[in-house]
């Protein structure tokens, strides 16, 4: 028996640069991306994502005399306009969310 030292080159995967994106979850309503199908005229179905309309919005809180930045959906902005920012912030803090 003859022992041979053979070096087998191993392909090294190149480093992947991951794009860090902002969270797609509304802090007020809890809306998040859901999956579904794109349906063509011939009824062929392809998987797709339905993403909420998330905006980074700054609100002024008169009681605290400061601005608060929230990630909210369009529906969340309507809720804040209807109920008031103090009421919505109280609910967020009750849930344990850092604001």
PDB file of N, CA and C in Angstrom:
ATOM      1  N   UNK A   1       0.833  -1.173   0.000  1.00  0.00           N
ATOM      2  CA  UNK A   1       0.000   0.000   0.000  1.00  0.00           C
ATOM      3  C   UNK A   1       0.875   1.232   0.000  1.00  0.00           C
ATOM      4  N   UNK A   2       0.523   2.102  -0.888  1.00  0.00           N
ATOM      5  CA  UNK A   2       1.260   3.349  -1.021  1.00  0.00           C
ATOM      6  C   UNK A   2       0.335   4.493  -0.607  1.00  0.00           C
ATOM      7  N   UNK A   3       0.737   5.241   0.387  1.00  0.00           N
ATOM      8  CA  UNK A   3      -0.086   6.351   0.867  1.00  0.00           C
ATOM      9  C   UNK A   3       0.307   7.615   0.118  1.00  0.00           C
ATOM     10  N   UNK A   4      -0.649   8.209  -0.502  1.00  0.00           N
ATOM     11  CA  UNK A   4      -0.395   9.454  -1.223  1.00  0.00           C
ATOM     12  C   UNK A   4      -1.114  10.595  -0.510  1.00  0.00           C
ATOM     13  N   UNK A   5      -0.437  11.693  -0.334  1.00  0.00           N
ATOM     14  CA  UNK A   5      -1.065  12.872   0.236  1.00  0.00           C
ATOM     15  C   UNK A   5      -1.612  13.697  -0.920  1.00  0.00           C
ATOM     16  N   UNK A   6      -2.887  13.646  -1.057  1.00  0.00           N
ATOM     17  CA  UNK A   6      -3.535  14.369  -2.139  1.00  0.00           C
ATOM     18  C   UNK A   6      -4.322  15.530  -1.531  1.00  0.00           C
ATOM     19  N   UNK A   7      -4.094  16.729  -2.042  1.00  0.00           N
ATOM     20  CA  UNK A   7      -4.819  17.898  -1.573  1.00  0.00           C
ATOM     21  C   UNK A   7      -5.957  18.168  -2.548  1.00  0.00           C
ATOM     22  N   UNK A   8      -7.153  18.141  -2.027  1.00  0.00           N
ATOM     23  CA  UNK A   8      -8.319  18.397  -2.854  1.00  0.00           C
ATOM     24  C   UNK A   8      -8.760  19.840  -2.605  1.00  0.00           C
ATOM     25  N   UNK A   9      -8.746  20.657  -3.640  1.00  0.00           N
ATOM     26  CA  UNK A   9      -9.176  22.047  -3.418  1.00  0.00           C
ATOM     27  C   UNK A   9     -10.675  22.107  -3.113  1.00  0.00           C
ATOM     28  N   UNK A  10     -11.012  22.901  -2.137  1.00  0.00           N
ATOM     29  CA  UNK A  10     -12.407  23.071  -1.742  1.00  0.00           C
ATOM     30  C   UNK A  10     -12.848  24.457  -2.172  1.00  0.00           C
ATOM     31  N   UNK A  11     -13.951  24.490  -2.882  1.00  0.00           N
ATOM     32  CA  UNK A  11     -14.466  25.777  -3.343  1.00  0.00           C
ATOM     33  C   UNK A  11     -14.999  26.557  -2.137  1.00  0.00           C
ATOM     34  N   UNK A  12     -14.522  27.757  -1.994  1.00  0.00           N
ATOM     35  CA  UNK A  12     -14.967  28.608  -0.897  1.00  0.00           C
ATOM     36  C   UNK A  12     -16.039  29.538  -1.425  1.00  0.00           C
ATOM     37  N   UNK A  13     -17.164  29.556  -0.724  1.00  0.00           N
ATOM     38  CA  UNK A  13     -18.262  30.430  -1.131  1.00  0.00           C
ATOM     39  C   UNK A  13     -17.845  31.887  -0.931  1.00  0.00           C
ATOM     40  N   UNK A  14     -18.144  32.739  -1.883  1.00  0.00           N
ATOM     41  CA  UNK A  14     -17.837  34.159  -1.677  1.00  0.00           C
ATOM     42  C   UNK A  14     -18.729  34.722  -0.570  1.00  0.00           C
ATOM     43  N   UNK A  15     -18.223  35.730   0.103  1.00  0.00           N
ATOM     44  CA  UNK A  15     -19.001  36.337   1.183  1.00  0.00           C
ATOM     45  C   UNK A  15     -20.242  36.988   0.615  1.00  0.00           C
ATOM     46  N   UNK A  16     -21.342  36.733   1.271  1.00  0.00           N
ATOM     47  CA  UNK A  16     -22.594  37.328   0.852  1.00  0.00           C
ATOM     48  C   UNK A  16     -22.808  38.612   1.630  1.00  0.00           C
ATOM     49  N   UNK A  17     -23.102  39.666   0.923  1.00  0.00           N
ATOM     50  CA  UNK A  17     -23.397  40.930   1.570  1.00  0.00           C
ATOM     51  C   UNK A  17     -24.908  41.017   1.676  1.00  0.00           C
ATOM     52  N   UNK A  18     -25.384  40.968   2.906  1.00  0.00           N
ATOM     53  CA  UNK A  18     -26.813  41.010   3.135  1.00  0.00           C
ATOM     54  C   UNK A  18     -27.262  42.445   3.297  1.00  0.00           C
ATOM     55  N   UNK A  19     -28.320  42.794   2.615  1.00  0.00           N
ATOM     56  CA  UNK A  19     -28.876  44.132   2.743  1.00  0.00           C
ATOM     57  C   UNK A  19     -29.787  44.158   3.957  1.00  0.00           C
ATOM     58  N   UNK A  20     -29.468  45.021   4.894  1.00  0.00           N
ATOM     59  CA  UNK A  20     -30.290  45.137   6.090  1.00  0.00           C
ATOM     60  C   UNK A  20     -31.407  46.114   5.784  1.00  0.00           C
ATOM     61  N   UNK A  21     -32.626  45.634   5.899  1.00  0.00           N
ATOM     62  CA  UNK A  21     -33.761  46.495   5.610  1.00  0.00           C
ATOM     63  C   UNK A  21     -34.510  46.794   6.899  1.00  0.00           C
ATOM     64  N   UNK A  22     -35.305  47.836   6.843  1.00  0.00           N
ATOM     65  CA  UNK A  22     -36.099  48.201   7.996  1.00  0.00           C
ATOM     66  C   UNK A  22     -37.204  47.172   8.191  1.00  0.00           C
ATOM     67  N   UNK A  23     -37.694  47.117   9.401  1.00  0.00           N
ATOM     68  CA  UNK A  23     -38.755  46.181   9.713  1.00  0.00           C
ATOM     69  C   UNK A  23     -40.012  46.534   8.929  1.00  0.00           C
ATOM     70  N   UNK A  24     -40.709  45.526   8.456  1.00  0.00           N
ATOM     71  CA  UNK A  24     -41.936  45.735   7.699  1.00  0.00           C
ATOM     72  C   UNK A  24     -43.162  45.503   8.576  1.00  0.00           C
ATOM     73  N   UNK A  25     -43.079  45.877   9.849  1.00  0.00           N
ATOM     74  CA  UNK A  25     -44.190  45.673  10.771  1.00  0.00           C
ATOM     75  C   UNK A  25     -44.629  47.023  11.312  1.00  0.00           C
ATOM     76  N   UNK A  26     -45.934  47.278  11.265  1.00  0.00           N
ATOM     77  CA  UNK A  26     -46.497  48.528  11.791  1.00  0.00           C
ATOM     78  C   UNK A  26     -46.525  48.454  13.315  1.00  0.00           C
ATOM     79  N   UNK A  27     -46.025  49.494  13.977  1.00  0.00           N
ATOM     80  CA  UNK A  27     -45.998  49.505  15.436  1.00  0.00           C
ATOM     81  C   UNK A  27     -47.389  49.716  16.035  1.00  0.00           C
ATOM     82  N   UNK A  28     -48.300  50.303  15.287  1.00  0.00           N
ATOM     83  CA  UNK A  28     -49.637  50.588  15.816  1.00  0.00           C
ATOM     84  C   UNK A  28     -50.587  49.421  15.555  1.00  0.00           C
ATOM     85  N   UNK A  29     -50.685  48.976  14.313  1.00  0.00           N
ATOM     86  CA  UNK A  29     -51.668  47.937  13.959  1.00  0.00           C
ATOM     87  C   UNK A  29     -51.086  46.534  13.967  1.00  0.00           C
ATOM     88  N   UNK A  30     -49.767  46.396  13.869  1.00  0.00           N
ATOM     89  CA  UNK A  30     -49.146  45.074  13.818  1.00  0.00           C
ATOM     90  C   UNK A  30     -49.188  44.435  12.448  1.00  0.00           C
ATOM     91  N   UNK A  31     -49.565  45.214  11.432  1.00  0.00           N
ATOM     92  CA  UNK A  31     -49.606  44.656  10.078  1.00  0.00           C
ATOM     93  C   UNK A  31     -48.206  44.283   9.621  1.00  0.00           C
ATOM     94  N   UNK A  32     -48.107  43.124   8.932  1.00  0.00           N
ATOM     95  CA  UNK A  32     -46.822  42.628   8.446  1.00  0.00           C
ATOM     96  C   UNK A  32     -47.009  42.020   7.069  1.00  0.00           C
ATOM     97  N   UNK A  33     -45.925  41.747   6.354  1.00  0.00           N
ATOM     98  CA  UNK A  33     -46.075  41.157   5.021  1.00  0.00           C
ATOM     99  C   UNK A  33     -46.762  39.795   5.075  1.00  0.00           C
ATOM    100  N   UNK A  34     -47.612  39.544   4.069  1.00  0.00           N
ATOM    101  CA  UNK A  34     -48.272  38.249   3.943  1.00  0.00           C
ATOM    102  C   UNK A  34     -48.012  37.703   2.544  1.00  0.00           C
ATOM    103  N   UNK A  35     -48.207  36.410   2.383  1.00  0.00           N
ATOM    104  CA  UNK A  35     -47.978  35.805   1.080  1.00  0.00           C
ATOM    105  C   UNK A  35     -49.307  35.539   0.396  1.00  0.00           C
ATOM    106  N   UNK A  36     -49.227  35.431  -0.923  1.00  0.00           N
ATOM    107  CA  UNK A  36     -50.403  35.132  -1.717  1.00  0.00           C
ATOM    108  C   UNK A  36     -49.964  34.739  -3.114  1.00  0.00           C
ATOM    109  N   UNK A  37     -50.878  34.839  -4.040  1.00  0.00           N
ATOM    110  CA  UNK A  37     -50.586  34.460  -5.414  1.00  0.00           C
ATOM    111  C   UNK A  37     -50.849  35.609  -6.366  1.00  0.00           C
ATOM    112  N   UNK A  38     -49.996  35.736  -7.387  1.00  0.00           N
ATOM    113  CA  UNK A  38     -50.302  36.558  -8.547  1.00  0.00           C
ATOM    114  C   UNK A  38     -51.019  35.633  -9.515  1.00  0.00           C
ATOM    115  N   UNK A  39     -52.217  36.003  -9.905  1.00  0.00           N
ATOM    116  CA  UNK A  39     -53.013  35.133 -10.766  1.00  0.00           C
ATOM    117  C   UNK A  39     -53.110  35.766 -12.149  1.00  0.00           C
ATOM    118  N   UNK A  40     -52.641  35.051 -13.172  1.00  0.00           N
ATOM    119  CA  UNK A  40     -52.687  35.562 -14.539  1.00  0.00           C
ATOM    120  C   UNK A  40     -54.060  35.319 -15.146  1.00  0.00           C
ATOM    121  N   UNK A  41     -54.235  35.800 -16.369  1.00  0.00           N
ATOM    122  CA  UNK A  41     -55.506  35.607 -17.067  1.00  0.00           C
ATOM    123  C   UNK A  41     -55.809  34.120 -17.270  1.00  0.00           C
ATOM    124  N   UNK A  42     -54.766  33.324 -17.516  1.00  0.00           N
ATOM    125  CA  UNK A  42     -54.966  31.888 -17.708  1.00  0.00           C
ATOM    126  C   UNK A  42     -55.034  31.131 -16.379  1.00  0.00           C
ATOM    127  N   UNK A  43     -55.057  31.876 -15.285  1.00  0.00           N
ATOM    128  CA  UNK A  43     -55.173  31.363 -13.928  1.00  0.00           C
ATOM    129  C   UNK A  43     -53.934  30.601 -13.457  1.00  0.00           C
ATOM    130  N   UNK A  44     -52.783  30.900 -14.053  1.00  0.00           N
ATOM    131  CA  UNK A  44     -51.522  30.377 -13.513  1.00  0.00           C
ATOM    132  C   UNK A  44     -51.195  31.194 -12.278  1.00  0.00           C
ATOM    133  N   UNK A  45     -50.734  30.509 -11.232  1.00  0.00           N
ATOM    134  CA  UNK A  45     -50.500  31.204  -9.969  1.00  0.00           C
ATOM    135  C   UNK A  45     -49.027  31.169  -9.596  1.00  0.00           C
ATOM    136  N   UNK A  46     -48.489  32.330  -9.234  1.00  0.00           N
ATOM    137  CA  UNK A  46     -47.107  32.462  -8.788  1.00  0.00           C
ATOM    138  C   UNK A  46     -47.105  33.102  -7.409  1.00  0.00           C
ATOM    139  N   UNK A  47     -46.248  32.580  -6.527  1.00  0.00           N
ATOM    140  CA  UNK A  47     -46.171  33.111  -5.163  1.00  0.00           C
ATOM    141  C   UNK A  47     -45.631  34.529  -5.179  1.00  0.00           C
ATOM    142  N   UNK A  48     -46.154  35.362  -4.278  1.00  0.00           N
ATOM    143  CA  UNK A  48     -45.674  36.731  -4.152  1.00  0.00           C
ATOM    144  C   UNK A  48     -45.912  37.219  -2.726  1.00  0.00           C
ATOM    145  N   UNK A  49     -45.326  38.367  -2.407  1.00  0.00           N
ATOM    146  CA  UNK A  49     -45.497  39.005  -1.101  1.00  0.00           C
ATOM    147  C   UNK A  49     -46.417  40.214  -1.224  1.00  0.00           C
ATOM    148  N   UNK A  50     -47.319  40.369  -0.274  1.00  0.00           N
ATOM    149  CA  UNK A  50     -48.115  41.584  -0.144  1.00  0.00           C
ATOM    150  C   UNK A  50     -47.528  42.349   1.038  1.00  0.00           C
ATOM    151  N   UNK A  51     -46.904  43.498   0.755  1.00  0.00           N
ATOM    152  CA  UNK A  51     -46.226  44.255   1.796  1.00  0.00           C
ATOM    153  C   UNK A  51     -47.070  45.451   2.230  1.00  0.00           C
ATOM    154  N   UNK A  52     -47.118  45.727   3.543  1.00  0.00           N
ATOM    155  CA  UNK A  52     -47.886  46.885   4.011  1.00  0.00           C
ATOM    156  C   UNK A  52     -47.174  48.185   3.656  1.00  0.00           C
ATOM    157  N   UNK A  53     -47.941  49.263   3.612  1.00  0.00           N
ATOM    158  CA  UNK A  53     -47.408  50.581   3.278  1.00  0.00           C
ATOM    159  C   UNK A  53     -46.829  51.200   4.548  1.00  0.00           C
ATOM    160  N   UNK A  54     -45.593  50.828   4.892  1.00  0.00           N
ATOM    161  CA  UNK A  54     -44.956  51.269   6.127  1.00  0.00           C
ATOM    162  C   UNK A  54     -44.194  52.570   5.884  1.00  0.00           C
ATOM    163  N   UNK A  55     -44.432  53.543   6.752  1.00  0.00           N
ATOM    164  CA  UNK A  55     -43.755  54.841   6.675  1.00  0.00           C
ATOM    165  C   UNK A  55     -43.071  55.123   8.002  1.00  0.00           C
ATOM    166  N   UNK A  56     -41.901  55.762   7.927  1.00  0.00           N
ATOM    167  CA  UNK A  56     -41.227  56.223   9.132  1.00  0.00           C
ATOM    168  C   UNK A  56     -41.724  57.637   9.379  1.00  0.00           C
ATOM    169  N   UNK A  57     -42.484  57.840  10.462  1.00  0.00           N
ATOM    170  CA  UNK A  57     -43.155  59.116  10.691  1.00  0.00           C
ATOM    171  C   UNK A  57     -42.810  59.650  12.067  1.00  0.00           C
ATOM    172  N   UNK A  58     -42.601  60.964  12.140  1.00  0.00           N
ATOM    173  CA  UNK A  58     -42.274  61.629  13.393  1.00  0.00           C
ATOM    174  C   UNK A  58     -43.503  62.377  13.901  1.00  0.00           C
ATOM    175  N   UNK A  59     -43.876  62.116  15.158  1.00  0.00           N
ATOM    176  CA  UNK A  59     -45.033  62.759  15.780  1.00  0.00           C
ATOM    177  C   UNK A  59     -44.561  63.569  16.979  1.00  0.00           C
ATOM    178  N   UNK A  60     -45.196  64.716  17.206  1.00  0.00           N
ATOM    179  CA  UNK A  60     -44.887  65.528  18.385  1.00  0.00           C
ATOM    180  C   UNK A  60     -45.848  65.157  19.503  1.00  0.00           C
ATOM    181  N   UNK A  61     -45.293  64.883  20.695  1.00  0.00           N
ATOM    182  CA  UNK A  61     -46.094  64.526  21.859  1.00  0.00           C
ATOM    183  C   UNK A  61     -46.081  65.721  22.811  1.00  0.00           C
ATOM    184  N   UNK A  62     -47.190  66.466  22.904  1.00  0.00           N
ATOM    185  CA  UNK A  62     -47.206  67.681  23.719  1.00  0.00           C
ATOM    186  C   UNK A  62     -46.979  67.425  25.214  1.00  0.00           C
ATOM    187  N   UNK A  63     -47.512  66.306  25.760  1.00  0.00           N
ATOM    188  CA  UNK A  63     -47.337  66.015  27.193  1.00  0.00           C
ATOM    189  C   UNK A  63     -45.872  65.823  27.557  1.00  0.00           C
ATOM    190  N   UNK A  64     -45.103  65.195  26.664  1.00  0.00           N
ATOM    191  CA  UNK A  64     -43.699  64.911  26.939  1.00  0.00           C
ATOM    192  C   UNK A  64     -42.775  65.971  26.362  1.00  0.00           C
ATOM    193  N   UNK A  65     -43.320  66.889  25.572  1.00  0.00           N
ATOM    194  CA  UNK A  65     -42.568  67.966  24.915  1.00  0.00           C
ATOM    195  C   UNK A  65     -41.377  67.410  24.131  1.00  0.00           C
ATOM    196  N   UNK A  66     -41.648  66.377  23.304  1.00  0.00           N
ATOM    197  CA  UNK A  66     -40.614  65.779  22.466  1.00  0.00           C
ATOM    198  C   UNK A  66     -41.260  65.122  21.259  1.00  0.00           C
ATOM    199  N   UNK A  67     -40.418  64.777  20.276  1.00  0.00           N
ATOM    200  CA  UNK A  67     -40.878  64.066  19.086  1.00  0.00           C
ATOM    201  C   UNK A  67     -40.647  62.571  19.270  1.00  0.00           C
ATOM    202  N   UNK A  68     -41.550  61.770  18.697  1.00  0.00           N
ATOM    203  CA  UNK A  68     -41.442  60.312  18.716  1.00  0.00           C
ATOM    204  C   UNK A  68     -41.489  59.834  17.273  1.00  0.00           C
ATOM    205  N   UNK A  69     -40.540  58.998  16.878  1.00  0.00           N
ATOM    206  CA  UNK A  69     -40.517  58.441  15.525  1.00  0.00           C
ATOM    207  C   UNK A  69     -41.074  57.020  15.573  1.00  0.00           C
ATOM    208  N   UNK A  70     -42.072  56.767  14.749  1.00  0.00           N
ATOM    209  CA  UNK A  70     -42.711  55.456  14.692  1.00  0.00           C
ATOM    210  C   UNK A  70     -42.688  54.923  13.274  1.00  0.00           C
ATOM    211  N   UNK A  71     -42.655  53.595  13.140  1.00  0.00           N
ATOM    212  CA  UNK A  71     -42.820  52.925  11.852  1.00  0.00           C
ATOM    213  C   UNK A  71     -44.284  52.507  11.778  1.00  0.00           C
ATOM    214  N   UNK A  72     -45.066  53.239  10.985  1.00  0.00           N
ATOM    215  CA  UNK A  72     -46.509  53.000  10.955  1.00  0.00           C
ATOM    216  C   UNK A  72     -46.993  52.804   9.528  1.00  0.00           C
ATOM    217  N   UNK A  73     -48.068  52.037   9.402  1.00  0.00           N
ATOM    218  CA  UNK A  73     -48.710  51.858   8.101  1.00  0.00           C
ATOM    219  C   UNK A  73     -49.648  53.038   7.862  1.00  0.00           C
ATOM    220  N   UNK A  74     -50.194  53.117   6.662  1.00  0.00           N
ATOM    221  CA  UNK A  74     -51.133  54.189   6.341  1.00  0.00           C
ATOM    222  C   UNK A  74     -52.357  54.100   7.250  1.00  0.00           C
ATOM    223  N   UNK A  75     -52.806  52.888   7.542  1.00  0.00           N
ATOM    224  CA  UNK A  75     -53.929  52.679   8.464  1.00  0.00           C
ATOM    225  C   UNK A  75     -53.554  53.138   9.870  1.00  0.00           C
ATOM    226  N   UNK A  76     -52.306  52.897  10.281  1.00  0.00           N
ATOM    227  CA  UNK A  76     -51.843  53.332  11.595  1.00  0.00           C
ATOM    228  C   UNK A  76     -51.832  54.845  11.728  1.00  0.00           C
ATOM    229  N   UNK A  77     -51.489  55.552  10.641  1.00  0.00           N
ATOM    230  CA  UNK A  77     -51.511  57.017  10.657  1.00  0.00           C
ATOM    231  C   UNK A  77     -52.943  57.514  10.846  1.00  0.00           C
ATOM    232  N   UNK A  78     -53.889  56.855  10.183  1.00  0.00           N
ATOM    233  CA  UNK A  78     -55.301  57.229  10.352  1.00  0.00           C
ATOM    234  C   UNK A  78     -55.773  56.999  11.787  1.00  0.00           C
ATOM    235  N   UNK A  79     -55.336  55.915  12.398  1.00  0.00           N
ATOM    236  CA  UNK A  79     -55.709  55.627  13.777  1.00  0.00           C
ATOM    237  C   UNK A  79     -55.152  56.694  14.715  1.00  0.00           C
ATOM    238  N   UNK A  80     -53.889  57.100  14.487  1.00  0.00           N
ATOM    239  CA  UNK A  80     -53.275  58.140  15.321  1.00  0.00           C
ATOM    240  C   UNK A  80     -54.012  59.460  15.141  1.00  0.00           C
ATOM    241  N   UNK A  81     -54.408  59.782  13.907  1.00  0.00           N
ATOM    242  CA  UNK A  81     -55.152  61.020  13.672  1.00  0.00           C
ATOM    243  C   UNK A  81     -56.514  60.996  14.363  1.00  0.00           C
ATOM    244  N   UNK A  82     -57.129  59.830  14.460  1.00  0.00           N
ATOM    245  CA  UNK A  82     -58.462  59.724  15.050  1.00  0.00           C
ATOM    246  C   UNK A  82     -58.407  59.707  16.578  1.00  0.00           C
ATOM    247  N   UNK A  83     -57.534  58.860  17.149  1.00  0.00           N
ATOM    248  CA  UNK A  83     -57.498  58.669  18.596  1.00  0.00           C
ATOM    249  C   UNK A  83     -56.564  59.636  19.317  1.00  0.00           C
ATOM    250  N   UNK A  84     -55.554  60.132  18.623  1.00  0.00           N
ATOM    251  CA  UNK A  84     -54.562  60.999  19.256  1.00  0.00           C
ATOM    252  C   UNK A  84     -53.302  60.223  19.587  1.00  0.00           C
ATOM    253  N   UNK A  85     -52.167  60.913  19.536  1.00  0.00           N
ATOM    254  CA  UNK A  85     -50.875  60.250  19.727  1.00  0.00           C
ATOM    255  C   UNK A  85     -50.697  59.767  21.167  1.00  0.00           C
ATOM    256  N   UNK A  86     -51.222  60.511  22.162  1.00  0.00           N
ATOM    257  CA  UNK A  86     -51.040  60.102  23.561  1.00  0.00           C
ATOM    258  C   UNK A  86     -51.740  58.771  23.834  1.00  0.00           C
ATOM    259  N   UNK A  87     -52.944  58.610  23.307  1.00  0.00           N
ATOM    260  CA  UNK A  87     -53.701  57.376  23.498  1.00  0.00           C
ATOM    261  C   UNK A  87     -52.992  56.187  22.848  1.00  0.00           C
ATOM    262  N   UNK A  88     -52.484  56.400  21.646  1.00  0.00           N
ATOM    263  CA  UNK A  88     -51.807  55.314  20.928  1.00  0.00           C
ATOM    264  C   UNK A  88     -50.499  54.954  21.631  1.00  0.00           C
ATOM    265  N   UNK A  89     -49.742  55.954  22.102  1.00  0.00           N
ATOM    266  CA  UNK A  89     -48.492  55.672  22.814  1.00  0.00           C
ATOM    267  C   UNK A  89     -48.753  54.923  24.116  1.00  0.00           C
ATOM    268  N   UNK A  90     -49.864  55.246  24.793  1.00  0.00           N
ATOM    269  CA  UNK A  90     -50.210  54.523  26.024  1.00  0.00           C
ATOM    270  C   UNK A  90     -50.450  53.046  25.721  1.00  0.00           C
ATOM    271  N   UNK A  91     -51.135  52.747  24.613  1.00  0.00           N
ATOM    272  CA  UNK A  91     -51.362  51.354  24.218  1.00  0.00           C
ATOM    273  C   UNK A  91     -50.053  50.652  23.880  1.00  0.00           C
ATOM    274  N   UNK A  92     -49.159  51.348  23.169  1.00  0.00           N
ATOM    275  CA  UNK A  92     -47.874  50.755  22.810  1.00  0.00           C
ATOM    276  C   UNK A  92     -47.058  50.426  24.056  1.00  0.00           C
ATOM    277  N   UNK A  93     -47.055  51.331  25.014  1.00  0.00           N
ATOM    278  CA  UNK A  93     -46.283  51.102  26.236  1.00  0.00           C
ATOM    279  C   UNK A  93     -46.900  49.979  27.083  1.00  0.00           C
ATOM    280  N   UNK A  94     -48.234  49.859  27.049  1.00  0.00           N
ATOM    281  CA  UNK A  94     -48.905  48.764  27.746  1.00  0.00           C
ATOM    282  C   UNK A  94     -48.504  47.413  27.160  1.00  0.00           C
ATOM    283  N   UNK A  95     -48.303  47.385  25.851  1.00  0.00           N
ATOM    284  CA  UNK A  95     -47.870  46.141  25.176  1.00  0.00           C
ATOM    285  C   UNK A  95     -46.402  45.847  25.428  1.00  0.00           C
ATOM    286  N   UNK A  96     -45.666  46.824  25.987  1.00  0.00           N
ATOM    287  CA  UNK A  96     -44.254  46.602  26.289  1.00  0.00           C
ATOM    288  C   UNK A  96     -43.329  47.059  25.188  1.00  0.00           C
ATOM    289  N   UNK A  97     -43.833  47.804  24.237  1.00  0.00           N
ATOM    290  CA  UNK A  97     -42.996  48.275  23.139  1.00  0.00           C
ATOM    291  C   UNK A  97     -42.237  49.521  23.564  1.00  0.00           C
ATOM    292  N   UNK A  98     -40.963  49.582  23.220  1.00  0.00           N
ATOM    293  CA  UNK A  98     -40.118  50.732  23.586  1.00  0.00           C
ATOM    294  C   UNK A  98     -40.411  51.884  22.628  1.00  0.00           C
ATOM    295  N   UNK A  99     -40.796  53.025  23.193  1.00  0.00           N
ATOM    296  CA  UNK A  99     -41.112  54.197  22.378  1.00  0.00           C
ATOM    297  C   UNK A  99     -40.315  55.376  22.896  1.00  0.00           C
TER     298      UNK A  99
END
